[in-house]
Amino acid sequence: MLLPARGRTGGFVYKVVKYSFLLPAYKGAFLKEALDSIQAQTYEDFSVVISDDCSPDPLYEIVQPFLADSRFRYRRNDSNIGAEQLVTHWNLLVKECDSPYLIMAGDDDLYEPTFLEEMDRLVVKYPDANLFRSRMNIINGSGAISRTDPPNEEYQTRSEFIDSLFDGRYIHCVGNYIFKTGFLKAAGGFKYFPLGWFSDDITALICSENGVARSQAVLFHFRHSGISISTKENVYDHLKSQATISSHKWIRKQVTIPRDARKKHKEYCLKLYRHYWKGLSFKQRICVLLNFPIYGWRIVKDRLNVV
């Protein structure tokens, strides 16, 4: 995004900012809080694009006061994209981004004021990395913390990152990452899976080619309020299961991924299947059994009362 800046002669020139927050918006409940947290950044070389996904909520009324800040821009889709094609909306914004680095923000998540300041230190320190991750926690609708990422190394190789990605303690989200825009575009943008389920993990895995720099401090708060796709139980279980199966197949085909990491991803998927089993169609249950011939039958044994 180009922002006006006063030139030496007193006129205005336009410059490309270093970071862009790309914010697909649909829910209005916490949008003002989310935008407040971005506007409060101590590092100021950034822009924000709020993309209204044809929401029934009055999002423009919430966003309008922020548009007095030249770093903020509002757009609206002609029709809803994100209900089942969330990644399509993400990639629409990625395609238009001209900043060297981007953050795919959420309409209800919060950033600490020093998020960009501290993450920029990592960007400068590790110039070859294409991916940067902030430590984070999960908050509920009232802001109470329910879970926090464990401490981590400041820099991880791709193998180390993949190992931690599926170790069971990792909080899965997209808003706490900073992506190098050029690399992400060259990789084809965010990897598509239904509902965006696993799209963040698989895209991060792709971008971890040159390692991952990670903040020691908690700089991001991922909100589980019960009104997002990621926290709606049962409603989208069949699509989440389809995405889990697809991600497992994708991981299995990647010869560059260590065997131990594949095993951890497999175990992680199995935990999800145990949770989703009630919501699976007969065809999906068969697909699980075919992909997990040994472990899958354990699920059947555990869930005989709902088969």
Protein backbone atom coordinates (compact mmCIF):
# COMPACT_ATOMS: atom_id res chain seq x y z
CA MET A 1 0.00 0.00 0.00
CA LEU A 2 1.34 3.45 -0.96
CA LEU A 3 1.12 6.15 1.67
CA PRO A 4 1.69 9.88 1.21
CA ALA A 5 4.86 11.32 2.75
CA ARG A 6 6.11 14.90 2.61
CA GLY A 7 9.10 15.28 0.29
CA ARG A 8 12.14 17.53 0.68
CA THR A 9 10.61 20.25 -1.46
CA GLY A 10 7.47 20.36 0.67
CA GLY A 11 5.27 18.43 -1.77
CA PHE A 12 3.97 14.91 -1.26
CA VAL A 13 5.58 11.73 -2.53
CA TYR A 14 4.31 8.19 -2.07
CA LYS A 15 6.22 5.43 -0.36
CA VAL A 16 5.71 1.70 0.07
CA VAL A 17 5.35 0.83 3.73
CA LYS A 18 7.29 -2.11 5.16
CA TYR A 19 4.38 -4.00 6.70
CA SER A 20 0.75 -4.46 5.66
CA PHE A 21 -1.97 -5.77 7.94
CA LEU A 22 -4.50 -7.48 5.66
CA LEU A 23 -7.74 -7.87 7.61
CA PRO A 24 -10.63 -9.88 6.12
CA ALA A 25 -13.61 -8.74 8.20
CA TYR A 26 -17.04 -10.23 8.73
CA LYS A 27 -17.82 -10.02 12.44
CA GLY A 28 -18.32 -6.61 14.00
CA ALA A 29 -18.37 -7.59 17.67
CA PHE A 30 -14.65 -7.09 18.36
CA LEU A 31 -13.54 -5.26 15.21
CA LYS A 32 -12.96 -1.90 16.92
CA GLU A 33 -10.77 -3.55 19.56
CA ALA A 34 -8.80 -5.31 16.85
CA LEU A 35 -8.24 -2.07 14.90
CA ASP A 36 -7.37 -0.16 18.07
CA SER A 37 -4.63 -2.68 18.82
CA ILE A 38 -3.16 -2.26 15.33
CA GLN A 39 -3.35 1.54 15.35
CA ALA A 40 -1.55 1.58 18.73
CA GLN A 41 1.62 0.01 17.28
CA THR A 42 4.79 1.74 18.43
CA TYR A 43 6.43 0.90 15.09
CA GLU A 44 4.57 3.06 12.60
CA ASP A 45 5.74 2.01 9.13
CA PHE A 46 2.67 -0.04 8.27
CA SER A 47 -0.68 0.07 6.50
CA VAL A 48 -4.00 -1.64 7.12
CA VAL A 49 -6.51 -2.93 4.56
CA ILE A 50 -9.91 -3.82 6.04
CA SER A 51 -11.76 -6.04 3.58
CA ASP A 52 -15.48 -6.26 4.39
CA ASP A 53 -16.65 -9.71 3.27
CA CYS A 54 -20.18 -8.52 2.52
CA SER A 55 -21.00 -8.61 6.22
CA PRO A 56 -24.54 -7.99 7.53
CA ASP A 57 -22.94 -6.07 10.41
CA PRO A 58 -22.38 -2.32 9.98
CA LEU A 59 -18.63 -2.68 9.56
CA TYR A 60 -18.13 0.59 7.70
CA GLU A 61 -19.54 2.50 10.67
CA ILE A 62 -16.96 0.80 12.90
CA VAL A 63 -14.11 1.39 10.46
CA GLN A 64 -14.97 4.97 9.43
CA PRO A 65 -13.23 6.76 12.34
CA PHE A 66 -9.99 4.90 11.55
CA LEU A 67 -10.00 6.15 7.95
CA ALA A 68 -8.87 9.57 9.20
CA ASP A 69 -5.52 7.78 9.64
CA SER A 70 -4.01 7.60 6.13
CA ARG A 71 -2.56 4.18 6.90
CA PHE A 72 -6.06 2.63 6.99
CA ARG A 73 -8.11 1.68 3.93
CA TYR A 74 -11.54 0.06 3.60
CA ARG A 75 -12.91 -2.10 0.79
CA ARG A 76 -15.99 -4.33 0.48
CA ASN A 77 -16.56 -7.52 -1.51
CA ASP A 78 -19.62 -7.59 -3.79
CA SER A 79 -20.58 -10.97 -2.32
CA ASN A 80 -19.46 -13.10 0.59
CA ILE A 81 -16.33 -15.16 -0.08
CA GLY A 82 -15.14 -16.36 3.30
CA ALA A 83 -18.01 -18.53 4.54
CA GLU A 84 -16.47 -21.59 2.90
CA GLN A 85 -13.72 -20.04 0.71
CA LEU A 86 -11.79 -18.16 3.38
CA VAL A 87 -8.42 -18.71 1.70
CA THR A 88 -9.74 -17.20 -1.55
CA HIS A 89 -10.35 -13.98 0.37
CA TRP A 90 -6.89 -14.14 1.93
CA ASN A 91 -5.23 -14.60 -1.46
CA LEU A 92 -7.25 -11.79 -3.03
CA LEU A 93 -5.62 -9.46 -0.50
CA VAL A 94 -2.16 -11.02 -0.88
CA LYS A 95 -2.31 -10.47 -4.65
CA GLU A 96 -2.88 -6.73 -4.16
CA CYS A 97 -0.25 -6.30 -1.41
CA ASP A 98 2.89 -4.37 -2.39
CA SER A 99 4.58 -4.22 1.01
CA PRO A 100 7.68 -6.38 1.57
CA TYR A 101 6.00 -8.09 4.56
CA LEU A 102 2.38 -8.86 5.41
CA ILE A 103 0.27 -9.97 8.35
CA MET A 104 -3.07 -11.72 7.79
CA ALA A 105 -4.97 -10.23 10.71
CA GLY A 106 -8.32 -11.23 12.22
CA ASP A 107 -11.41 -9.16 12.95
CA ASP A 108 -11.43 -10.05 16.65
CA ASP A 109 -7.78 -10.73 17.58
CA LEU A 110 -5.48 -8.33 19.42
CA TYR A 111 -1.86 -7.22 19.04
CA GLU A 112 0.36 -5.88 21.78
CA PRO A 113 1.52 -2.29 21.03
CA THR A 114 5.10 -3.54 20.56
CA PHE A 115 4.18 -6.39 18.19
CA LEU A 116 5.68 -4.77 15.08
CA GLU A 117 8.56 -3.16 16.96
CA GLU A 118 9.76 -6.46 18.39
CA MET A 119 9.03 -8.49 15.28
CA ASP A 120 10.88 -5.97 13.11
CA ARG A 121 13.98 -6.61 15.22
CA LEU A 122 13.75 -10.26 14.16
CA VAL A 123 13.14 -9.31 10.52
CA VAL A 124 16.33 -7.24 10.55
CA LYS A 125 18.33 -9.89 12.43
CA TYR A 126 17.28 -12.77 10.15
CA PRO A 127 17.03 -11.25 6.65
CA ASP A 128 17.02 -14.62 4.86
CA ALA A 129 13.99 -15.92 6.74
CA ASN A 130 10.63 -15.81 4.98
CA LEU A 131 8.54 -16.43 8.09
CA PHE A 132 8.36 -14.82 11.52
CA ARG A 133 6.11 -15.98 14.36
CA SER A 134 5.03 -14.23 17.53
CA ARG A 135 4.42 -16.15 20.72
CA MET A 136 0.72 -15.90 21.58
CA ASN A 137 -2.12 -16.83 23.86
CA ILE A 138 -5.82 -17.61 23.54
CA ILE A 139 -8.40 -15.26 25.03
CA ASN A 140 -12.16 -15.57 25.34
CA GLY A 141 -14.86 -13.02 24.55
CA SER A 142 -14.10 -11.04 27.69
CA GLY A 143 -10.34 -11.10 27.16
CA ALA A 144 -9.49 -13.70 29.82
CA ILE A 145 -6.49 -15.87 28.94
CA SER A 146 -7.18 -19.62 28.63
CA ARG A 147 -3.92 -20.89 27.13
CA THR A 148 -0.43 -19.64 26.29
CA ASP A 149 2.22 -20.82 23.86
CA PRO A 150 5.20 -22.49 25.56
CA PRO A 151 8.57 -20.69 25.45
CA ASN A 152 10.54 -21.27 22.27
CA GLU A 153 13.91 -20.69 20.65
CA GLU A 154 14.38 -17.37 18.85
CA TYR A 155 15.31 -19.17 15.64
CA GLN A 156 14.31 -22.63 14.43
CA THR A 157 15.40 -24.54 11.37
CA ARG A 158 12.63 -25.86 9.16
CA SER A 159 12.96 -29.32 10.71
CA GLU A 160 12.77 -27.91 14.24
CA PHE A 161 9.78 -25.74 13.35
CA ILE A 162 7.85 -28.65 11.84
CA ASP A 163 8.62 -30.74 14.89
CA SER A 164 7.14 -28.10 17.20
CA LEU A 165 4.23 -27.39 14.86
CA PHE A 166 2.52 -30.66 15.71
CA ASP A 167 3.83 -31.42 19.19
CA GLY A 168 0.44 -30.82 20.82
CA ARG A 169 1.39 -27.63 22.70
CA TYR A 170 1.44 -25.28 19.72
CA ILE A 171 -1.48 -22.83 19.23
CA HIS A 172 -2.60 -22.90 15.60
CA CYS A 173 -3.44 -19.53 14.08
CA VAL A 174 -2.46 -17.23 11.19
CA GLY A 175 -2.58 -13.71 12.68
CA ASN A 176 0.64 -14.03 14.69
CA TYR A 177 2.78 -14.68 11.60
CA ILE A 178 4.64 -12.18 9.45
CA PHE A 179 5.17 -13.44 5.90
CA LYS A 180 7.71 -12.21 3.37
CA THR A 181 5.31 -11.12 0.63
CA GLY A 182 7.46 -11.98 -2.39
CA PHE A 183 8.12 -15.53 -1.20
CA LEU A 184 4.45 -16.09 -0.34
CA LYS A 185 3.33 -14.88 -3.76
CA ALA A 186 5.94 -17.03 -5.52
CA ALA A 187 4.62 -20.04 -3.56
CA GLY A 188 1.13 -19.39 -4.91
CA GLY A 189 -0.26 -17.65 -1.83
CA PHE A 190 -1.96 -19.44 1.03
CA LYS A 191 -2.53 -23.15 0.45
CA TYR A 192 -6.21 -23.87 -0.02
CA PHE A 193 -8.10 -26.21 2.30
CA PRO A 194 -11.83 -26.03 3.18
CA LEU A 195 -12.63 -23.25 5.69
CA GLY A 196 -8.92 -22.36 5.73
CA TRP A 197 -8.51 -25.30 8.13
CA PHE A 198 -4.78 -26.24 8.11
CA SER A 199 -4.13 -23.52 5.48
CA ASP A 200 -2.18 -21.50 8.05
CA ASP A 201 -0.07 -24.49 9.14
CA ILE A 202 0.71 -25.78 5.66
CA THR A 203 1.50 -22.31 4.31
CA ALA A 204 3.77 -21.65 7.29
CA LEU A 205 5.46 -24.98 6.66
CA ILE A 206 6.08 -24.00 3.03
CA CYS A 207 7.46 -20.60 4.07
CA SER A 208 9.77 -22.11 6.70
CA GLU A 209 12.25 -23.12 4.00
CA ASN A 210 14.91 -20.76 5.42
CA GLY A 211 13.92 -21.26 9.04
CA VAL A 212 11.57 -19.33 11.33
CA ALA A 213 12.36 -16.44 13.69
CA ARG A 214 10.11 -16.38 16.76
CA SER A 215 9.49 -13.84 19.50
CA GLN A 216 10.09 -14.81 23.11
CA ALA A 217 7.41 -12.40 24.36
CA VAL A 218 3.67 -12.93 23.97
CA LEU A 219 2.70 -10.26 21.43
CA PHE A 220 -0.57 -11.61 20.03
CA HIS A 221 -3.95 -12.65 21.48
CA PHE A 222 -6.07 -15.11 19.50
CA ARG A 223 -9.73 -14.78 20.43
CA HIS A 224 -11.96 -17.83 20.90
CA SER A 225 -15.35 -16.18 21.31
CA GLY A 226 -17.58 -18.94 19.94
CA ILE A 227 -18.63 -16.90 16.89
CA SER A 228 -15.83 -17.79 14.48
CA ILE A 229 -15.45 -20.78 12.16
CA SER A 230 -12.55 -22.11 14.22
CA THR A 231 -14.64 -22.27 17.41
CA LYS A 232 -18.04 -23.43 16.11
CA GLU A 233 -18.40 -27.01 17.27
CA ASN A 234 -20.12 -29.56 15.00
CA VAL A 235 -21.41 -26.98 12.49
CA TYR A 236 -18.42 -27.34 10.16
CA ASP A 237 -17.03 -30.68 11.35
CA HIS A 238 -17.51 -32.39 7.98
CA LEU A 239 -15.50 -29.67 6.18
CA LYS A 240 -12.84 -29.58 8.88
CA SER A 241 -12.49 -33.34 8.54
CA GLN A 242 -12.15 -33.04 4.77
CA ALA A 243 -9.43 -30.42 5.26
CA THR A 244 -7.64 -32.62 7.80
CA ILE A 245 -7.63 -35.56 5.39
CA SER A 246 -6.35 -33.32 2.56
CA SER A 247 -3.58 -31.84 4.71
CA HIS A 248 -2.48 -35.31 5.79
CA LYS A 249 -2.25 -36.40 2.14
CA TRP A 250 -0.30 -33.23 1.27
CA ILE A 251 2.18 -33.75 4.12
CA ARG A 252 2.65 -37.41 3.20
CA LYS A 253 3.67 -36.48 -0.36
CA GLN A 254 6.33 -33.98 0.70
CA VAL A 255 9.61 -35.91 0.59
CA THR A 256 11.52 -33.04 2.22
CA ILE A 257 9.57 -33.34 5.47
CA PRO A 258 11.33 -35.51 8.10
CA ARG A 259 9.66 -38.82 8.91
CA ASP A 260 9.31 -37.93 12.60
CA ALA A 261 7.45 -34.74 11.67
CA ARG A 262 5.09 -36.68 9.42
CA LYS A 263 4.38 -39.06 12.27
CA LYS A 264 3.59 -36.17 14.62
CA HIS A 265 1.25 -34.64 12.04
CA LYS A 266 -0.47 -38.01 11.67
CA GLU A 267 -0.99 -38.28 15.43
CA TYR A 268 -2.30 -34.71 15.51
CA CYS A 269 -4.80 -35.52 12.73
CA LEU A 270 -5.99 -38.60 14.61
CA LYS A 271 -6.80 -36.49 17.67
CA LEU A 272 -8.91 -34.26 15.45
CA TYR A 273 -10.72 -37.23 13.91
CA ARG A 274 -11.63 -38.56 17.33
CA HIS A 275 -13.17 -35.17 18.04
CA TYR A 276 -14.99 -34.90 14.69
CA TRP A 277 -16.20 -38.49 14.40
CA LYS A 278 -19.87 -37.67 15.10
CA GLY A 279 -19.88 -35.09 12.32
CA LEU A 280 -18.34 -37.33 9.65
CA SER A 281 -20.35 -38.79 6.80
CA PHE A 282 -20.10 -42.52 6.10
CA LYS A 283 -17.86 -41.76 3.11
CA GLN A 284 -15.53 -39.63 5.24
CA ARG A 285 -15.27 -42.32 7.89
CA ILE A 286 -14.25 -44.82 5.22
CA CYS A 287 -11.68 -42.29 3.93
CA VAL A 288 -10.22 -41.97 7.43
CA LEU A 289 -9.93 -45.74 7.74
CA LEU A 290 -8.23 -46.01 4.34
CA ASN A 291 -5.72 -43.28 5.20
CA PHE A 292 -5.10 -44.61 8.72
CA PRO A 293 -5.55 -48.40 8.35
CA ILE A 294 -4.22 -49.21 11.82
CA TYR A 295 -4.95 -46.11 13.86
CA GLY A 296 -8.31 -45.50 12.19
CA TRP A 297 -9.77 -48.69 13.56
CA ARG A 298 -8.78 -47.55 17.03
CA ILE A 299 -11.11 -44.61 16.54
CA VAL A 300 -13.90 -46.97 15.54
CA LYS A 301 -13.25 -49.04 18.63
CA ASP A 302 -13.26 -45.92 20.82
CA ARG A 303 -16.41 -44.60 19.17
CA LEU A 304 -18.53 -47.71 18.72
CA ASN A 305 -21.37 -45.99 20.49
CA VAL A 306 -21.60 -43.35 17.72
CA VAL A 307 -20.64 -45.39 14.63
